Amino acid sequence: NLVNFHTKYKFLLLTYNQKILRELGKILADGKMDVSEKFKKYKELFYKAFIRKPSPKRHINTILHIYGHFSKYLNKEEKKHFINLIEKYKMGIVELQVLVELLRSFALRFGDEYVKVQKYLQPYPEKLEKFRY
């Protein structure tokens, strides 16, 4: 199902190209478009979204969006720690993977099924983990 596929790639698309993410959402919402045409347009735009490598700012934007799913469950110290890690990522002290893994652990800890399936948190099959980010 294309909607399920889109749901899993939402945060990855947000990171790479917000404009295309919105356009893809419009394609999905178009009830008048023929299904085969919808798939064709979606596929073309989807691949186009990944042409450019995202900047650290785009990753931070996505990380903060995902963090928003969990911040209400975290205590003051955990929140401060997470924000400090983001600052360290900005300075080049901490790798992006540290933040991603922490978000994955939050998704598991709090049972957030929507976040757990996000390809942003695990874009590659496990055997290809060494190529991540």
C-alpha atoms as a PDB file:
ATOM      1  CA  ASN A   1       0.000   0.000   0.000  1.00  0.00           C
ATOM      2  CA  LEU A   2       1.439   3.367  -1.060  1.00  0.00           C
ATOM      3  CA  VAL A   3       0.123   5.188   2.015  1.00  0.00           C
ATOM      4  CA  ASN A   4       1.916   2.742   4.336  1.00  0.00           C
ATOM      5  CA  PHE A   5       5.091   3.115   2.296  1.00  0.00           C
ATOM      6  CA  HIS A   6       4.843   6.900   2.484  1.00  0.00           C
ATOM      7  CA  THR A   7       4.237   6.763   6.234  1.00  0.00           C
ATOM      8  CA  LYS A   8       7.462   4.781   6.756  1.00  0.00           C
ATOM      9  CA  TYR A   9       9.508   7.237   4.700  1.00  0.00           C
ATOM     10  CA  LYS A  10       7.984  10.442   6.072  1.00  0.00           C
ATOM     11  CA  PHE A  11      10.913  11.526   8.237  1.00  0.00           C
ATOM     12  CA  LEU A  12      13.525  10.469   5.699  1.00  0.00           C
ATOM     13  CA  LEU A  13      11.718  12.542   3.067  1.00  0.00           C
ATOM     14  CA  LEU A  14      11.432  15.422   5.529  1.00  0.00           C
ATOM     15  CA  THR A  15      15.205  15.328   5.914  1.00  0.00           C
ATOM     16  CA  TYR A  16      15.991  15.222   2.211  1.00  0.00           C
ATOM     17  CA  ASN A  17      13.329  17.434   0.664  1.00  0.00           C
ATOM     18  CA  GLN A  18      10.360  18.966   2.499  1.00  0.00           C
ATOM     19  CA  LYS A  19       8.872  20.399  -0.684  1.00  0.00           C
ATOM     20  CA  ILE A  20       8.737  16.999  -2.356  1.00  0.00           C
ATOM     21  CA  LEU A  21       7.349  15.468   0.853  1.00  0.00           C
ATOM     22  CA  ARG A  22       4.402  17.881   0.599  1.00  0.00           C
ATOM     23  CA  GLU A  23       3.955  17.175  -3.115  1.00  0.00           C
ATOM     24  CA  LEU A  24       3.933  13.433  -2.470  1.00  0.00           C
ATOM     25  CA  GLY A  25       1.276  13.954   0.195  1.00  0.00           C
ATOM     26  CA  LYS A  26      -0.871  15.809  -2.321  1.00  0.00           C
ATOM     27  CA  ILE A  27      -0.502  12.968  -4.827  1.00  0.00           C
ATOM     28  CA  LEU A  28      -1.632  10.476  -2.195  1.00  0.00           C
ATOM     29  CA  ALA A  29      -4.587  12.643  -1.209  1.00  0.00           C
ATOM     30  CA  ASP A  30      -5.780  13.099  -4.803  1.00  0.00           C
ATOM     31  CA  GLY A  31      -8.843  10.870  -4.983  1.00  0.00           C
ATOM     32  CA  LYS A  32      -9.456  11.658  -8.649  1.00  0.00           C
ATOM     33  CA  MET A  33      -6.085  10.499  -9.974  1.00  0.00           C
ATOM     34  CA  ASP A  34      -5.876   7.070 -11.605  1.00  0.00           C
ATOM     35  CA  VAL A  35      -3.986   4.581  -9.409  1.00  0.00           C
ATOM     36  CA  SER A  36      -1.356   3.767 -12.043  1.00  0.00           C
ATOM     37  CA  GLU A  37      -0.788   7.487 -12.678  1.00  0.00           C
ATOM     38  CA  LYS A  38      -0.524   8.045  -8.925  1.00  0.00           C
ATOM     39  CA  PHE A  39       2.164   5.356  -8.619  1.00  0.00           C
ATOM     40  CA  LYS A  40       4.065   6.748 -11.607  1.00  0.00           C
ATOM     41  CA  LYS A  41       4.063  10.347 -10.315  1.00  0.00           C
ATOM     42  CA  TYR A  42       4.870   9.238  -6.788  1.00  0.00           C
ATOM     43  CA  LYS A  43       7.826   7.121  -7.933  1.00  0.00           C
ATOM     44  CA  GLU A  44       9.299   9.922 -10.046  1.00  0.00           C
ATOM     45  CA  LEU A  45       9.089  12.458  -7.232  1.00  0.00           C
ATOM     46  CA  PHE A  46      10.223   9.993  -4.574  1.00  0.00           C
ATOM     47  CA  TYR A  47      13.513   9.323  -6.362  1.00  0.00           C
ATOM     48  CA  LYS A  48      13.963  13.016  -7.065  1.00  0.00           C
ATOM     49  CA  ALA A  49      13.753  13.733  -3.331  1.00  0.00           C
ATOM     50  CA  PHE A  50      17.046  11.949  -2.673  1.00  0.00           C
ATOM     51  CA  ILE A  51      19.226  13.719  -5.224  1.00  0.00           C
ATOM     52  CA  ARG A  52      21.000  15.954  -2.703  1.00  0.00           C
ATOM     53  CA  LYS A  53      22.609  14.949   0.547  1.00  0.00           C
ATOM     54  CA  PRO A  54      20.820  16.605   3.489  1.00  0.00           C
ATOM     55  CA  SER A  55      22.613  19.186   5.604  1.00  0.00           C
ATOM     56  CA  PRO A  56      23.140  18.786   9.349  1.00  0.00           C
ATOM     57  CA  LYS A  57      20.416  21.441   9.844  1.00  0.00           C
ATOM     58  CA  ARG A  58      17.918  19.251   7.997  1.00  0.00           C
ATOM     59  CA  HIS A  59      18.884  16.268  10.149  1.00  0.00           C
ATOM     60  CA  ILE A  60      18.419  18.372  13.275  1.00  0.00           C
ATOM     61  CA  ASN A  61      14.989  19.462  12.067  1.00  0.00           C
ATOM     62  CA  THR A  62      13.957  15.838  11.585  1.00  0.00           C
ATOM     63  CA  ILE A  63      15.488  14.772  14.885  1.00  0.00           C
ATOM     64  CA  LEU A  64      13.526  17.475  16.696  1.00  0.00           C
ATOM     65  CA  HIS A  65      10.306  16.381  14.946  1.00  0.00           C
ATOM     66  CA  ILE A  66      10.839  12.812  16.127  1.00  0.00           C
ATOM     67  CA  TYR A  67      11.956  13.983  19.574  1.00  0.00           C
ATOM     68  CA  GLY A  68       8.603  15.760  19.861  1.00  0.00           C
ATOM     69  CA  HIS A  69       6.923  12.362  20.024  1.00  0.00           C
ATOM     70  CA  PHE A  70       8.808  11.557  23.234  1.00  0.00           C
ATOM     71  CA  SER A  71       9.612  14.800  25.037  1.00  0.00           C
ATOM     72  CA  LYS A  72       6.453  14.607  27.170  1.00  0.00           C
ATOM     73  CA  TYR A  73       7.656  11.270  28.578  1.00  0.00           C
ATOM     74  CA  LEU A  74      11.200  12.385  29.380  1.00  0.00           C
ATOM     75  CA  ASN A  75      12.322  13.938  32.625  1.00  0.00           C
ATOM     76  CA  LYS A  76      14.227  17.232  32.805  1.00  0.00           C
ATOM     77  CA  GLU A  77      17.651  15.568  32.856  1.00  0.00           C
ATOM     78  CA  GLU A  78      16.885  13.360  29.856  1.00  0.00           C
ATOM     79  CA  LYS A  79      15.647  16.362  27.887  1.00  0.00           C
ATOM     80  CA  LYS A  80      18.744  18.355  28.775  1.00  0.00           C
ATOM     81  CA  HIS A  81      20.972  15.426  27.796  1.00  0.00           C
ATOM     82  CA  PHE A  82      19.265  15.086  24.413  1.00  0.00           C
ATOM     83  CA  ILE A  83      19.503  18.807  23.654  1.00  0.00           C
ATOM     84  CA  ASN A  84      23.182  18.734  24.685  1.00  0.00           C
ATOM     85  CA  LEU A  85      23.777  15.871  22.250  1.00  0.00           C
ATOM     86  CA  ILE A  86      22.212  17.941  19.471  1.00  0.00           C
ATOM     87  CA  GLU A  87      24.562  20.816  20.330  1.00  0.00           C
ATOM     88  CA  LYS A  88      27.511  18.420  20.269  1.00  0.00           C
ATOM     89  CA  TYR A  89      26.357  17.142  16.871  1.00  0.00           C
ATOM     90  CA  LYS A  90      26.278  20.732  15.599  1.00  0.00           C
ATOM     91  CA  MET A  91      29.876  21.186  16.793  1.00  0.00           C
ATOM     92  CA  GLY A  92      31.014  17.923  15.189  1.00  0.00           C
ATOM     93  CA  ILE A  93      31.739  16.233  18.524  1.00  0.00           C
ATOM     94  CA  VAL A  94      28.939  13.650  18.310  1.00  0.00           C
ATOM     95  CA  GLU A  95      27.996  11.623  15.237  1.00  0.00           C
ATOM     96  CA  LEU A  96      24.472  11.722  13.854  1.00  0.00           C
ATOM     97  CA  GLN A  97      24.159   8.020  14.598  1.00  0.00           C
ATOM     98  CA  VAL A  98      24.251   8.712  18.350  1.00  0.00           C
ATOM     99  CA  LEU A  99      21.091  10.835  18.087  1.00  0.00           C
ATOM    100  CA  VAL A 100      19.382   8.364  15.767  1.00  0.00           C
ATOM    101  CA  GLU A 101      20.082   5.431  18.081  1.00  0.00           C
ATOM    102  CA  LEU A 102      18.803   7.379  21.072  1.00  0.00           C
ATOM    103  CA  LEU A 103      15.582   8.134  19.186  1.00  0.00           C
ATOM    104  CA  ARG A 104      15.270   4.449  18.267  1.00  0.00           C
ATOM    105  CA  SER A 105      15.637   3.547  21.935  1.00  0.00           C
ATOM    106  CA  PHE A 106      12.907   6.060  22.838  1.00  0.00           C
ATOM    107  CA  ALA A 107      10.604   4.518  20.224  1.00  0.00           C
ATOM    108  CA  LEU A 108      11.178   1.076  21.728  1.00  0.00           C
ATOM    109  CA  ARG A 109      10.946   2.295  25.323  1.00  0.00           C
ATOM    110  CA  PHE A 110       7.680   4.164  24.798  1.00  0.00           C
ATOM    111  CA  GLY A 111       6.186   1.753  22.254  1.00  0.00           C
ATOM    112  CA  ASP A 112       5.641   4.375  19.564  1.00  0.00           C
ATOM    113  CA  GLU A 113       4.716   2.224  16.572  1.00  0.00           C
ATOM    114  CA  TYR A 114       4.643   5.181  14.178  1.00  0.00           C
ATOM    115  CA  VAL A 115       8.225   6.143  14.977  1.00  0.00           C
ATOM    116  CA  LYS A 116       9.448   2.537  15.209  1.00  0.00           C
ATOM    117  CA  VAL A 117       8.689   1.929  11.514  1.00  0.00           C
ATOM    118  CA  GLN A 118      10.362   5.117  10.284  1.00  0.00           C
ATOM    119  CA  LYS A 119      13.081   4.457   7.725  1.00  0.00           C
ATOM    120  CA  TYR A 120      14.950   7.504   9.007  1.00  0.00           C
ATOM    121  CA  LEU A 121      15.867   5.462  12.062  1.00  0.00           C
ATOM    122  CA  GLN A 122      16.975   2.455  10.027  1.00  0.00           C
ATOM    123  CA  PRO A 123      17.238   3.339   6.327  1.00  0.00           C
ATOM    124  CA  TYR A 124      19.311   0.292   5.377  1.00  0.00           C
ATOM    125  CA  PRO A 125      18.889  -3.431   5.946  1.00  0.00           C
ATOM    126  CA  GLU A 126      20.883  -4.572   8.973  1.00  0.00           C
ATOM    127  CA  LYS A 127      23.550  -6.225   6.783  1.00  0.00           C
ATOM    128  CA  LEU A 128      24.339  -2.801   5.290  1.00  0.00           C
ATOM    129  CA  GLU A 129      24.540  -0.926   8.601  1.00  0.00           C
ATOM    130  CA  LYS A 130      28.157   0.037   8.027  1.00  0.00           C
ATOM    131  CA  PHE A 131      27.048   2.313   5.162  1.00  0.00           C
ATOM    132  CA  ARG A 132      24.538   4.186   7.273  1.00  0.00           C
ATOM    133  CA  TYR A 133      24.628   7.985   7.024  1.00  0.00           C
END
